[in-house]
């Protein structure tokens, strides 16, 4: 039986991933704030990994993230930057991903020659430096860009230890969840189930040669 670990399982996209995988016969383990898991707390992440013991997973998916932290809103101008808000944004969307990789990537399944295991983290197209033509959302953009660098760097290191490992950043599209509520997108909005279904197809098509890449929900490369 294939096994998956979902970080942020009770969120909109995380729960959709869980439902899809379980319907396909996967054994799914989930971690979320509702059961005390906090990606911004290093001790919480370490304890969660320790509780999993010798469990090994074919897929580890980080579905956590936030466009705003606390009562703030995305900055429309550099003049709106607040140090505390930006630090909180990085703690979840960047540093938290580094902690997830530190403590959970050792739980990727090590299979015989030719096998594969995937660590995928939900990033965002607005984290692309090359694709930034609108400005604004400075803290969120910067934190997601930092996450992308963390993913890329970890992918290089992990590939040296586990040739079948695939570490990728994924853009889920604009999804109708609490994260996007209140913001009018310029393009189509996906349901969590549509996004999860599309991303699972992307994940299924990845090979070790794709490790360290950034893909959208259609499987298309996103510029760094």
N, C-alpha and C. Protein backbone atom coordinates (compact mmCIF):
# COMPACT_ATOMS: atom_id res chain seq x y z
N UNK A 1 0.84 -1.19 0.00
CA UNK A 1 0.00 0.00 0.00
C UNK A 1 0.88 1.25 0.00
N UNK A 2 0.54 2.20 -0.88
CA UNK A 2 1.27 3.46 -0.93
C UNK A 2 0.88 4.31 0.27
N UNK A 3 1.87 5.04 0.80
CA UNK A 3 1.64 5.83 2.00
C UNK A 3 1.96 7.30 1.76
N UNK A 4 1.10 8.16 2.31
CA UNK A 4 1.29 9.60 2.16
C UNK A 4 1.21 10.29 3.51
N UNK A 5 1.99 11.36 3.65
CA UNK A 5 1.94 12.23 4.82
C UNK A 5 1.53 13.61 4.34
N UNK A 6 0.41 14.13 4.87
CA UNK A 6 -0.08 15.44 4.48
C UNK A 6 0.10 16.41 5.64
N UNK A 7 0.89 17.45 5.43
CA UNK A 7 1.06 18.51 6.42
C UNK A 7 0.02 19.58 6.11
N UNK A 8 -0.85 19.85 7.08
CA UNK A 8 -1.96 20.74 6.83
C UNK A 8 -3.16 19.99 6.28
N UNK A 9 -3.40 18.81 6.82
CA UNK A 9 -4.43 17.94 6.27
C UNK A 9 -5.84 18.52 6.38
N UNK A 10 -6.14 19.31 7.38
CA UNK A 10 -7.50 19.79 7.57
C UNK A 10 -7.80 21.07 6.79
N UNK A 11 -6.80 21.63 6.11
CA UNK A 11 -7.03 22.81 5.29
C UNK A 11 -7.79 22.46 4.02
N UNK A 12 -8.16 23.48 3.25
CA UNK A 12 -8.95 23.25 2.05
C UNK A 12 -8.30 22.30 1.06
N UNK A 13 -7.06 22.59 0.66
CA UNK A 13 -6.38 21.74 -0.31
C UNK A 13 -5.89 20.46 0.36
N UNK A 14 -5.38 20.55 1.59
CA UNK A 14 -4.90 19.36 2.28
C UNK A 14 -5.98 18.31 2.44
N UNK A 15 -7.20 18.72 2.80
CA UNK A 15 -8.28 17.75 2.96
C UNK A 15 -8.69 17.16 1.62
N UNK A 16 -8.62 17.96 0.56
CA UNK A 16 -8.94 17.44 -0.78
C UNK A 16 -7.91 16.41 -1.22
N UNK A 17 -6.65 16.68 -0.95
CA UNK A 17 -5.60 15.69 -1.25
C UNK A 17 -5.86 14.39 -0.49
N UNK A 18 -6.15 14.52 0.80
CA UNK A 18 -6.38 13.33 1.62
C UNK A 18 -7.53 12.50 1.08
N UNK A 19 -8.63 13.16 0.74
CA UNK A 19 -9.80 12.44 0.24
C UNK A 19 -9.49 11.73 -1.07
N UNK A 20 -8.79 12.41 -1.96
CA UNK A 20 -8.44 11.81 -3.25
C UNK A 20 -7.52 10.60 -3.07
N UNK A 21 -6.51 10.74 -2.24
CA UNK A 21 -5.56 9.65 -2.04
C UNK A 21 -6.23 8.46 -1.37
N UNK A 22 -7.04 8.72 -0.34
CA UNK A 22 -7.72 7.62 0.36
C UNK A 22 -8.68 6.89 -0.58
N UNK A 23 -9.34 7.63 -1.46
CA UNK A 23 -10.25 7.01 -2.42
C UNK A 23 -9.50 6.12 -3.41
N UNK A 24 -8.22 6.41 -3.59
CA UNK A 24 -7.38 5.60 -4.50
C UNK A 24 -6.66 4.48 -3.78
N UNK A 25 -6.95 4.29 -2.49
CA UNK A 25 -6.36 3.18 -1.75
C UNK A 25 -5.09 3.49 -1.00
N UNK A 26 -4.73 4.77 -0.91
CA UNK A 26 -3.53 5.13 -0.17
C UNK A 26 -3.79 5.11 1.33
N UNK A 27 -2.75 4.85 2.09
CA UNK A 27 -2.77 4.99 3.54
C UNK A 27 -2.28 6.40 3.84
N UNK A 28 -3.16 7.27 4.37
CA UNK A 28 -2.83 8.68 4.55
C UNK A 28 -2.71 9.03 6.02
N UNK A 29 -1.59 9.66 6.36
CA UNK A 29 -1.38 10.23 7.70
C UNK A 29 -1.41 11.73 7.57
N UNK A 30 -2.11 12.40 8.48
CA UNK A 30 -2.22 13.84 8.40
C UNK A 30 -1.77 14.53 9.67
N UNK A 31 -1.20 15.73 9.52
CA UNK A 31 -0.82 16.58 10.63
C UNK A 31 -1.41 17.96 10.39
N UNK A 32 -1.94 18.59 11.43
CA UNK A 32 -2.54 19.91 11.28
C UNK A 32 -2.55 20.63 12.62
N UNK A 33 -2.88 21.91 12.57
CA UNK A 33 -2.96 22.71 13.79
C UNK A 33 -4.02 22.17 14.75
N UNK A 34 -5.06 21.54 14.19
CA UNK A 34 -6.13 21.03 15.04
C UNK A 34 -5.66 19.95 16.00
N UNK A 35 -4.57 19.28 15.66
CA UNK A 35 -4.03 18.29 16.59
C UNK A 35 -2.68 18.72 17.18
N UNK A 36 -2.43 20.03 17.16
CA UNK A 36 -1.25 20.57 17.84
C UNK A 36 -0.01 20.72 16.99
N UNK A 37 -0.09 20.40 15.72
CA UNK A 37 1.09 20.53 14.84
C UNK A 37 1.22 21.97 14.38
N UNK A 38 2.38 22.57 14.59
CA UNK A 38 2.61 23.97 14.25
C UNK A 38 3.92 24.09 13.49
N UNK A 39 3.82 24.36 12.19
CA UNK A 39 5.01 24.41 11.35
C UNK A 39 5.92 25.59 11.70
N UNK A 40 5.42 26.55 12.46
CA UNK A 40 6.25 27.69 12.86
C UNK A 40 6.98 27.45 14.18
N UNK A 41 6.77 26.28 14.76
CA UNK A 41 7.38 25.92 16.05
C UNK A 41 8.30 24.72 15.82
N UNK A 42 9.60 24.95 15.89
CA UNK A 42 10.56 23.88 15.59
C UNK A 42 10.36 22.67 16.49
N UNK A 43 10.08 22.90 17.77
CA UNK A 43 9.85 21.79 18.68
C UNK A 43 8.65 20.96 18.28
N UNK A 44 7.58 21.62 17.84
CA UNK A 44 6.38 20.92 17.39
C UNK A 44 6.67 20.04 16.19
N UNK A 45 7.44 20.56 15.24
CA UNK A 45 7.77 19.80 14.04
C UNK A 45 8.64 18.60 14.40
N UNK A 46 9.64 18.82 15.25
CA UNK A 46 10.53 17.74 15.66
C UNK A 46 9.77 16.64 16.39
N UNK A 47 8.86 17.03 17.28
CA UNK A 47 8.09 16.03 18.02
C UNK A 47 7.16 15.23 17.11
N UNK A 48 6.57 15.91 16.13
CA UNK A 48 5.68 15.21 15.20
C UNK A 48 6.45 14.16 14.40
N UNK A 49 7.65 14.52 13.94
CA UNK A 49 8.47 13.57 13.19
C UNK A 49 8.89 12.40 14.08
N UNK A 50 9.23 12.70 15.34
CA UNK A 50 9.63 11.64 16.26
C UNK A 50 8.49 10.66 16.51
N UNK A 51 7.26 11.18 16.61
CA UNK A 51 6.10 10.30 16.84
C UNK A 51 5.86 9.36 15.67
N UNK A 52 6.25 9.78 14.48
CA UNK A 52 6.05 8.92 13.31
C UNK A 52 7.04 7.76 13.29
N UNK A 53 8.09 7.86 14.07
CA UNK A 53 9.03 6.75 14.26
C UNK A 53 9.64 6.26 12.96
N UNK A 54 9.45 4.99 12.68
CA UNK A 54 10.06 4.36 11.50
C UNK A 54 9.14 4.36 10.29
N UNK A 55 8.06 5.13 10.34
CA UNK A 55 7.15 5.22 9.20
C UNK A 55 7.89 5.77 7.99
N UNK A 56 7.56 5.27 6.82
CA UNK A 56 8.16 5.76 5.58
C UNK A 56 7.04 6.06 4.59
N UNK A 57 7.22 7.13 3.80
CA UNK A 57 6.14 7.61 2.95
C UNK A 57 6.59 7.73 1.49
N UNK A 58 5.69 7.36 0.59
CA UNK A 58 5.94 7.52 -0.84
C UNK A 58 5.70 8.96 -1.28
N UNK A 59 4.85 9.66 -0.54
CA UNK A 59 4.56 11.07 -0.82
C UNK A 59 4.45 11.83 0.49
N UNK A 60 5.20 12.92 0.60
CA UNK A 60 5.05 13.87 1.69
C UNK A 60 4.64 15.19 1.06
N UNK A 61 3.48 15.70 1.44
CA UNK A 61 2.95 16.92 0.83
C UNK A 61 2.77 17.99 1.89
N UNK A 62 3.41 19.14 1.69
CA UNK A 62 3.20 20.28 2.57
C UNK A 62 2.11 21.15 1.96
N UNK A 63 0.92 21.13 2.58
CA UNK A 63 -0.21 21.92 2.09
C UNK A 63 -0.50 23.10 3.00
N UNK A 64 0.47 23.50 3.83
CA UNK A 64 0.28 24.65 4.71
C UNK A 64 0.62 25.93 3.96
N UNK A 65 0.28 27.05 4.55
CA UNK A 65 0.60 28.34 3.96
C UNK A 65 -0.47 29.35 4.28
N UNK A 66 -0.12 30.63 4.16
CA UNK A 66 -1.09 31.69 4.43
C UNK A 66 -0.70 32.95 3.66
N UNK A 67 -1.71 33.62 3.12
CA UNK A 67 -1.51 34.88 2.42
C UNK A 67 -1.37 36.03 3.42
N UNK A 68 -2.05 35.90 4.54
CA UNK A 68 -1.93 36.88 5.62
C UNK A 68 -1.76 36.13 6.93
N UNK A 69 -1.08 36.74 7.87
CA UNK A 69 -0.91 36.18 9.20
C UNK A 69 -1.42 37.23 10.19
N UNK A 70 -2.34 36.85 11.06
CA UNK A 70 -2.93 37.81 11.97
C UNK A 70 -3.98 38.65 11.26
N UNK A 71 -4.09 39.91 11.64
CA UNK A 71 -5.14 40.77 11.12
C UNK A 71 -4.66 41.65 9.96
N UNK A 72 -3.44 41.50 9.53
CA UNK A 72 -2.92 42.34 8.45
C UNK A 72 -3.49 41.94 7.10
N UNK A 73 -3.10 42.68 6.08
CA UNK A 73 -3.50 42.37 4.71
C UNK A 73 -2.26 42.48 3.83
N UNK A 74 -2.25 41.85 2.64
CA UNK A 74 -1.07 41.93 1.78
C UNK A 74 -0.71 43.38 1.45
N UNK A 75 0.58 43.68 1.52
CA UNK A 75 1.03 45.05 1.27
C UNK A 75 0.84 45.41 -0.22
N UNK A 76 0.28 46.57 -0.46
CA UNK A 76 0.15 47.06 -1.83
C UNK A 76 1.33 47.93 -2.23
N UNK A 77 2.13 48.33 -1.25
CA UNK A 77 3.27 49.20 -1.50
C UNK A 77 4.36 48.91 -0.48
N UNK A 78 5.59 49.21 -0.83
CA UNK A 78 6.71 49.01 0.07
C UNK A 78 6.54 49.86 1.33
N UNK A 79 5.76 50.93 1.23
CA UNK A 79 5.54 51.80 2.39
C UNK A 79 4.68 51.14 3.46
N UNK A 80 4.05 50.03 3.12
CA UNK A 80 3.18 49.33 4.07
C UNK A 80 3.89 48.19 4.79
N UNK A 81 5.16 47.95 4.50
CA UNK A 81 5.89 46.83 5.11
C UNK A 81 6.03 47.02 6.61
N UNK A 82 5.72 45.97 7.35
CA UNK A 82 5.92 45.93 8.80
C UNK A 82 6.80 44.74 9.13
N UNK A 83 7.82 44.97 9.94
CA UNK A 83 8.80 43.92 10.23
C UNK A 83 8.16 42.69 10.86
N UNK A 84 7.26 42.89 11.82
CA UNK A 84 6.67 41.75 12.52
C UNK A 84 5.79 40.92 11.59
N UNK A 85 5.04 41.60 10.72
CA UNK A 85 4.19 40.88 9.77
C UNK A 85 5.03 40.08 8.78
N UNK A 86 6.11 40.67 8.31
CA UNK A 86 6.97 39.97 7.36
C UNK A 86 7.66 38.77 8.02
N UNK A 87 8.09 38.93 9.26
CA UNK A 87 8.72 37.83 9.97
C UNK A 87 7.75 36.66 10.16
N UNK A 88 6.49 36.99 10.48
CA UNK A 88 5.49 35.94 10.64
C UNK A 88 5.21 35.24 9.31
N UNK A 89 5.21 36.01 8.22
CA UNK A 89 4.98 35.43 6.90
C UNK A 89 6.11 34.46 6.54
N UNK A 90 7.34 34.84 6.83
CA UNK A 90 8.48 33.97 6.54
C UNK A 90 8.47 32.73 7.44
N UNK A 91 8.06 32.90 8.69
CA UNK A 91 8.05 31.78 9.63
C UNK A 91 7.21 30.63 9.11
N UNK A 92 6.06 30.94 8.51
CA UNK A 92 5.18 29.89 8.01
C UNK A 92 5.53 29.45 6.60
N UNK A 93 5.66 30.41 5.69
CA UNK A 93 5.79 30.09 4.27
C UNK A 93 7.20 29.77 3.80
N UNK A 94 8.20 30.04 4.62
CA UNK A 94 9.59 29.76 4.22
C UNK A 94 10.32 28.93 5.27
N UNK A 95 10.54 29.49 6.44
CA UNK A 95 11.26 28.75 7.48
C UNK A 95 10.54 27.45 7.83
N UNK A 96 9.21 27.50 7.88
CA UNK A 96 8.45 26.28 8.18
C UNK A 96 8.69 25.18 7.17
N UNK A 97 8.86 25.56 5.91
CA UNK A 97 9.13 24.56 4.87
C UNK A 97 10.53 23.96 5.07
N UNK A 98 11.48 24.79 5.46
CA UNK A 98 12.83 24.28 5.76
C UNK A 98 12.78 23.29 6.92
N UNK A 99 11.98 23.60 7.94
CA UNK A 99 11.84 22.67 9.07
C UNK A 99 11.17 21.38 8.63
N UNK A 100 10.16 21.49 7.78
CA UNK A 100 9.50 20.28 7.28
C UNK A 100 10.49 19.40 6.54
N UNK A 101 11.33 19.99 5.73
CA UNK A 101 12.34 19.22 5.00
C UNK A 101 13.35 18.61 5.95
N UNK A 102 13.76 19.36 6.96
CA UNK A 102 14.74 18.82 7.91
C UNK A 102 14.22 17.58 8.61
N UNK A 103 13.00 17.66 9.10
CA UNK A 103 12.50 16.59 9.97
C UNK A 103 11.72 15.50 9.23
N UNK A 104 11.11 15.82 8.09
CA UNK A 104 10.27 14.82 7.43
C UNK A 104 10.90 14.19 6.19
N UNK A 105 11.83 14.88 5.52
CA UNK A 105 12.42 14.26 4.33
C UNK A 105 13.14 12.95 4.64
N UNK A 106 13.71 12.74 5.86
CA UNK A 106 14.29 11.42 6.15
C UNK A 106 13.24 10.29 6.16
N UNK A 107 11.96 10.67 6.18
CA UNK A 107 10.90 9.65 6.19
C UNK A 107 10.44 9.28 4.79
N UNK A 108 11.08 9.84 3.76
CA UNK A 108 10.76 9.42 2.40
C UNK A 108 11.16 7.96 2.21
N UNK A 109 10.29 7.21 1.55
CA UNK A 109 10.54 5.77 1.35
C UNK A 109 11.77 5.57 0.48
N UNK A 110 12.66 4.72 0.92
CA UNK A 110 13.83 4.33 0.14
C UNK A 110 13.52 2.99 -0.52
N UNK A 111 13.41 3.01 -1.82
CA UNK A 111 13.03 1.79 -2.54
C UNK A 111 14.21 1.25 -3.34
N UNK A 112 13.98 0.12 -3.97
CA UNK A 112 15.01 -0.49 -4.80
C UNK A 112 15.37 0.45 -5.95
N UNK A 113 16.42 0.13 -6.67
CA UNK A 113 16.87 0.95 -7.79
C UNK A 113 15.71 1.21 -8.75
N UNK A 114 15.52 2.46 -9.10
CA UNK A 114 14.43 2.82 -10.00
C UNK A 114 13.18 3.27 -9.29
N UNK A 115 13.13 3.15 -7.96
CA UNK A 115 11.97 3.57 -7.20
C UNK A 115 11.95 5.08 -7.05
N UNK A 116 10.86 5.60 -6.50
CA UNK A 116 10.74 7.03 -6.34
C UNK A 116 9.94 7.37 -5.09
N UNK A 117 10.19 8.53 -4.54
CA UNK A 117 9.42 9.08 -3.43
C UNK A 117 9.43 10.58 -3.61
N UNK A 118 8.32 11.24 -3.26
CA UNK A 118 8.14 12.66 -3.58
C UNK A 118 7.90 13.48 -2.32
N UNK A 119 8.63 14.59 -2.20
CA UNK A 119 8.33 15.63 -1.23
C UNK A 119 7.89 16.83 -2.04
N UNK A 120 6.63 17.21 -1.90
CA UNK A 120 6.08 18.34 -2.65
C UNK A 120 5.56 19.39 -1.69
N UNK A 121 5.85 20.65 -1.98
CA UNK A 121 5.39 21.75 -1.13
C UNK A 121 4.61 22.74 -1.99
N UNK A 122 3.44 23.16 -1.49
CA UNK A 122 2.64 24.12 -2.23
C UNK A 122 3.24 25.51 -2.09
N UNK A 123 3.69 26.04 -3.21
CA UNK A 123 4.22 27.39 -3.27
C UNK A 123 3.15 28.27 -3.94
N UNK A 124 3.56 29.26 -4.70
CA UNK A 124 2.62 30.13 -5.39
C UNK A 124 3.32 30.82 -6.54
N UNK A 125 2.60 31.02 -7.64
CA UNK A 125 3.20 31.69 -8.80
C UNK A 125 3.69 33.09 -8.44
N UNK A 126 3.02 33.75 -7.49
CA UNK A 126 3.46 35.10 -7.12
C UNK A 126 4.83 35.08 -6.43
N UNK A 127 5.32 33.91 -6.06
CA UNK A 127 6.66 33.79 -5.52
C UNK A 127 7.73 33.78 -6.60
N UNK A 128 7.31 33.73 -7.86
CA UNK A 128 8.26 33.77 -8.97
C UNK A 128 8.82 35.17 -9.15
N UNK A 129 10.13 35.30 -9.13
CA UNK A 129 10.76 36.60 -9.38
C UNK A 129 10.66 36.96 -10.86
N UNK A 130 10.89 35.97 -11.72
CA UNK A 130 10.85 36.22 -13.16
C UNK A 130 9.46 36.55 -13.69
N UNK A 131 8.42 36.12 -12.98
CA UNK A 131 7.05 36.31 -13.45
C UNK A 131 6.37 37.51 -12.77
N UNK A 132 7.10 38.25 -11.96
CA UNK A 132 6.51 39.36 -11.21
C UNK A 132 6.43 40.61 -12.08
N UNK A 133 5.21 40.93 -12.51
CA UNK A 133 5.00 42.11 -13.33
C UNK A 133 4.04 43.12 -12.70
N UNK A 134 3.48 42.76 -11.54
CA UNK A 134 2.46 43.61 -10.93
C UNK A 134 2.92 44.28 -9.64
N UNK A 135 3.93 43.72 -8.98
CA UNK A 135 4.36 44.25 -7.70
C UNK A 135 3.35 43.95 -6.60
N UNK A 136 3.52 44.57 -5.43
CA UNK A 136 2.61 44.34 -4.32
C UNK A 136 2.83 43.01 -3.64
N UNK A 137 2.07 42.78 -2.55
CA UNK A 137 2.12 41.53 -1.80
C UNK A 137 3.56 41.17 -1.45
N UNK A 138 4.28 42.12 -0.93
CA UNK A 138 5.73 42.00 -0.80
C UNK A 138 6.14 40.86 0.13
N UNK A 139 5.54 40.81 1.33
CA UNK A 139 5.91 39.77 2.27
C UNK A 139 5.59 38.38 1.75
N UNK A 140 4.41 38.21 1.19
CA UNK A 140 3.99 36.89 0.68
C UNK A 140 4.87 36.48 -0.49
N UNK A 141 5.07 37.40 -1.45
CA UNK A 141 5.93 37.09 -2.59
C UNK A 141 7.33 36.68 -2.12
N UNK A 142 7.89 37.48 -1.22
CA UNK A 142 9.26 37.23 -0.77
C UNK A 142 9.36 35.90 -0.02
N UNK A 143 8.37 35.60 0.82
CA UNK A 143 8.40 34.35 1.57
C UNK A 143 8.29 33.15 0.65
N UNK A 144 7.42 33.24 -0.36
CA UNK A 144 7.28 32.13 -1.30
C UNK A 144 8.53 31.99 -2.18
N UNK A 145 9.15 33.11 -2.54
CA UNK A 145 10.41 33.04 -3.28
C UNK A 145 11.48 32.37 -2.44
N UNK A 146 11.50 32.69 -1.14
CA UNK A 146 12.44 32.04 -0.24
C UNK A 146 12.15 30.54 -0.14
N UNK A 147 10.86 30.19 -0.07
CA UNK A 147 10.51 28.77 -0.05
C UNK A 147 11.05 28.06 -1.29
N UNK A 148 10.89 28.70 -2.44
CA UNK A 148 11.36 28.07 -3.68
C UNK A 148 12.86 27.82 -3.65
N UNK A 149 13.61 28.75 -3.10
CA UNK A 149 15.06 28.55 -2.98
C UNK A 149 15.38 27.42 -2.01
N UNK A 150 14.62 27.34 -0.93
CA UNK A 150 14.81 26.26 0.04
C UNK A 150 14.54 24.91 -0.62
N UNK A 151 13.46 24.82 -1.38
CA UNK A 151 13.13 23.58 -2.09
C UNK A 151 14.24 23.20 -3.07
N UNK A 152 14.69 24.16 -3.84
CA UNK A 152 15.73 23.90 -4.84
C UNK A 152 17.02 23.42 -4.17
N UNK A 153 17.41 24.09 -3.10
CA UNK A 153 18.65 23.73 -2.41
C UNK A 153 18.55 22.36 -1.75
N UNK A 154 17.42 22.09 -1.09
CA UNK A 154 17.24 20.79 -0.45
C UNK A 154 17.20 19.66 -1.46
N UNK A 155 16.61 19.93 -2.62
CA UNK A 155 16.52 18.90 -3.66
C UNK A 155 17.92 18.43 -4.09
N UNK A 156 18.86 19.36 -4.19
CA UNK A 156 20.22 19.01 -4.59
C UNK A 156 20.86 18.11 -3.53
N UNK A 157 20.70 18.48 -2.27
CA UNK A 157 21.29 17.69 -1.19
C UNK A 157 20.65 16.31 -1.08
N UNK A 158 19.33 16.27 -1.11
CA UNK A 158 18.62 15.00 -0.92
C UNK A 158 18.90 14.04 -2.07
N UNK A 159 19.07 14.56 -3.28
CA UNK A 159 19.36 13.69 -4.44
C UNK A 159 20.67 12.95 -4.26
N UNK A 160 21.61 13.52 -3.52
CA UNK A 160 22.89 12.85 -3.30
C UNK A 160 22.73 11.63 -2.39
N UNK A 161 21.71 11.67 -1.53
CA UNK A 161 21.52 10.60 -0.56
C UNK A 161 20.48 9.58 -1.04
N UNK A 162 19.57 10.02 -1.87
CA UNK A 162 18.43 9.18 -2.27
C UNK A 162 18.13 9.48 -3.74
N UNK A 163 18.67 8.67 -4.65
CA UNK A 163 18.57 8.97 -6.07
C UNK A 163 17.13 8.90 -6.59
N UNK A 164 16.25 8.24 -5.86
CA UNK A 164 14.86 8.15 -6.28
C UNK A 164 13.98 9.24 -5.72
N UNK A 165 14.56 10.18 -4.94
CA UNK A 165 13.77 11.23 -4.31
C UNK A 165 13.49 12.36 -5.29
N UNK A 166 12.30 12.91 -5.18
CA UNK A 166 11.89 14.05 -6.00
C UNK A 166 11.37 15.13 -5.05
N UNK A 167 12.00 16.28 -5.06
CA UNK A 167 11.61 17.39 -4.19
C UNK A 167 11.20 18.55 -5.09
N UNK A 168 9.94 18.98 -4.98
CA UNK A 168 9.43 19.98 -5.91
C UNK A 168 8.56 21.02 -5.20
N UNK A 169 8.48 22.21 -5.81
CA UNK A 169 7.52 23.25 -5.42
C UNK A 169 6.39 23.21 -6.44
N UNK A 170 5.16 23.35 -5.96
CA UNK A 170 3.99 23.26 -6.84
C UNK A 170 3.09 24.48 -6.64
N UNK A 171 2.65 25.05 -7.74
CA UNK A 171 1.64 26.13 -7.70
C UNK A 171 0.27 25.49 -7.92
N UNK A 172 -0.63 25.59 -6.94
CA UNK A 172 -1.91 24.90 -7.04
C UNK A 172 -2.97 25.62 -7.85
N UNK A 173 -2.63 26.79 -8.42
CA UNK A 173 -3.64 27.62 -9.05
C UNK A 173 -4.31 28.49 -8.00
N UNK A 174 -5.24 29.33 -8.43
CA UNK A 174 -6.03 30.11 -7.49
C UNK A 174 -7.18 29.23 -7.03
N UNK A 175 -7.16 28.88 -5.76
CA UNK A 175 -8.10 27.89 -5.23
C UNK A 175 -9.09 28.57 -4.29
N UNK A 176 -10.34 28.16 -4.36
CA UNK A 176 -11.39 28.74 -3.52
C UNK A 176 -11.28 28.20 -2.10
N UNK A 177 -10.39 28.80 -1.32
CA UNK A 177 -10.20 28.45 0.09
C UNK A 177 -10.20 29.73 0.92
N UNK A 178 -10.03 29.59 2.22
CA UNK A 178 -9.96 30.77 3.08
C UNK A 178 -8.78 31.66 2.71
N UNK A 179 -7.71 31.06 2.19
CA UNK A 179 -6.52 31.85 1.83
C UNK A 179 -6.86 32.89 0.77
N UNK A 180 -7.69 32.52 -0.22
CA UNK A 180 -7.98 33.44 -1.33
C UNK A 180 -9.27 34.23 -1.13
N UNK A 181 -10.00 33.95 -0.06
CA UNK A 181 -11.26 34.65 0.18
C UNK A 181 -11.03 36.16 0.30
N UNK A 182 -11.87 36.94 -0.38
CA UNK A 182 -11.76 38.39 -0.29
C UNK A 182 -10.89 39.01 -1.35
N UNK A 183 -10.25 38.19 -2.21
CA UNK A 183 -9.38 38.73 -3.26
C UNK A 183 -9.93 38.30 -4.61
N UNK A 184 -10.15 39.25 -5.48
CA UNK A 184 -10.72 38.98 -6.79
C UNK A 184 -9.61 38.61 -7.78
N UNK A 185 -9.58 37.37 -8.21
CA UNK A 185 -8.52 36.96 -9.13
C UNK A 185 -8.79 37.44 -10.56
N UNK A 186 -7.75 37.47 -11.36
CA UNK A 186 -7.85 37.85 -12.75
C UNK A 186 -8.12 36.65 -13.65
N UNK A 187 -8.18 35.46 -13.06
CA UNK A 187 -8.31 34.25 -13.86
C UNK A 187 -9.22 33.27 -13.12
N UNK A 188 -9.42 32.10 -13.72
CA UNK A 188 -10.36 31.12 -13.18
C UNK A 188 -9.93 30.64 -11.79
N UNK A 189 -10.92 30.36 -10.97
CA UNK A 189 -10.69 29.83 -9.64
C UNK A 189 -11.02 28.35 -9.64
N UNK A 190 -10.13 27.53 -9.06
CA UNK A 190 -10.34 26.09 -8.96
C UNK A 190 -10.95 25.74 -7.62
N UNK A 191 -11.72 24.66 -7.57
CA UNK A 191 -12.13 24.12 -6.28
C UNK A 191 -10.94 23.37 -5.69
N UNK A 192 -10.92 23.17 -4.37
CA UNK A 192 -9.83 22.38 -3.79
C UNK A 192 -9.70 21.00 -4.45
N UNK A 193 -10.83 20.35 -4.74
CA UNK A 193 -10.77 19.03 -5.35
C UNK A 193 -10.17 19.09 -6.76
N UNK A 194 -10.52 20.11 -7.54
CA UNK A 194 -9.95 20.25 -8.88
C UNK A 194 -8.43 20.46 -8.81
N UNK A 195 -8.00 21.30 -7.88
CA UNK A 195 -6.58 21.55 -7.73
C UNK A 195 -5.84 20.29 -7.29
N UNK A 196 -6.39 19.59 -6.29
CA UNK A 196 -5.75 18.38 -5.80
C UNK A 196 -5.66 17.31 -6.89
N UNK A 197 -6.74 17.15 -7.64
CA UNK A 197 -6.75 16.15 -8.71
C UNK A 197 -5.68 16.46 -9.75
N UNK A 198 -5.59 17.75 -10.15
CA UNK A 198 -4.60 18.14 -11.15
C UNK A 198 -3.18 17.95 -10.63
N UNK A 199 -2.93 18.36 -9.38
CA UNK A 199 -1.59 18.24 -8.83
C UNK A 199 -1.17 16.80 -8.62
N UNK A 200 -2.11 15.93 -8.28
CA UNK A 200 -1.77 14.51 -8.14
C UNK A 200 -1.37 13.92 -9.49
N UNK A 201 -1.98 14.39 -10.57
CA UNK A 201 -1.55 13.95 -11.90
C UNK A 201 -0.14 14.44 -12.20
N UNK A 202 0.15 15.69 -11.81
CA UNK A 202 1.49 16.23 -12.01
C UNK A 202 2.50 15.40 -11.22
N UNK A 203 2.19 15.14 -9.96
CA UNK A 203 3.10 14.36 -9.10
C UNK A 203 3.33 12.98 -9.67
N UNK A 204 2.27 12.35 -10.17
CA UNK A 204 2.40 11.00 -10.72
C UNK A 204 3.32 10.96 -11.93
N UNK A 205 3.42 12.08 -12.64
CA UNK A 205 4.25 12.12 -13.83
C UNK A 205 5.69 12.55 -13.61
N UNK A 206 6.05 12.86 -12.38
CA UNK A 206 7.40 13.33 -12.09
C UNK A 206 8.40 12.17 -12.06
N UNK A 207 9.62 12.45 -12.47
CA UNK A 207 10.72 11.50 -12.35
C UNK A 207 11.84 12.17 -11.56
N UNK A 208 12.84 11.41 -11.11
CA UNK A 208 13.95 12.03 -10.38
C UNK A 208 14.63 13.16 -11.14
N UNK A 209 14.55 13.14 -12.46
CA UNK A 209 15.14 14.23 -13.25
C UNK A 209 14.42 15.55 -13.02
N UNK A 210 13.21 15.50 -12.47
CA UNK A 210 12.42 16.71 -12.23
C UNK A 210 12.64 17.30 -10.85
N UNK A 211 13.47 16.66 -10.03
CA UNK A 211 13.67 17.18 -8.68
C UNK A 211 14.25 18.59 -8.72
N UNK A 212 13.81 19.42 -7.78
CA UNK A 212 14.30 20.79 -7.72
C UNK A 212 13.61 21.74 -8.66
N UNK A 213 12.44 21.34 -9.23
CA UNK A 213 11.73 22.20 -10.16
C UNK A 213 10.50 22.82 -9.51
N UNK A 214 9.92 23.78 -10.21
CA UNK A 214 8.74 24.51 -9.78
C UNK A 214 7.70 24.35 -10.89
N UNK A 215 6.59 23.68 -10.58
CA UNK A 215 5.56 23.38 -11.59
C UNK A 215 4.22 23.94 -11.15
N UNK A 216 3.38 24.27 -12.15
CA UNK A 216 2.02 24.67 -11.80
C UNK A 216 1.08 23.47 -11.89
N UNK A 217 -0.20 23.70 -11.63
CA UNK A 217 -1.17 22.61 -11.56
C UNK A 217 -1.42 21.94 -12.91
N UNK A 218 -0.95 22.57 -13.97
CA UNK A 218 -1.03 21.94 -15.29
C UNK A 218 0.21 21.12 -15.61
N UNK A 219 1.22 21.21 -14.74
CA UNK A 219 2.48 20.53 -14.98
C UNK A 219 3.49 21.38 -15.72
N UNK A 220 3.13 22.65 -15.99
CA UNK A 220 4.03 23.54 -16.72
C UNK A 220 5.08 24.15 -15.77
N UNK A 221 6.32 24.29 -16.24
CA UNK A 221 7.34 24.94 -15.40
C UNK A 221 6.98 26.39 -15.10
N UNK A 222 7.26 26.82 -13.88
CA UNK A 222 7.07 28.22 -13.49
C UNK A 222 8.47 28.84 -13.35
N UNK A 223 8.71 30.01 -13.94
CA UNK A 223 10.06 30.62 -13.82
C UNK A 223 10.38 30.96 -12.38
N UNK A 224 11.64 30.82 -12.02
CA UNK A 224 12.06 31.16 -10.67
C UNK A 224 12.01 32.67 -10.47
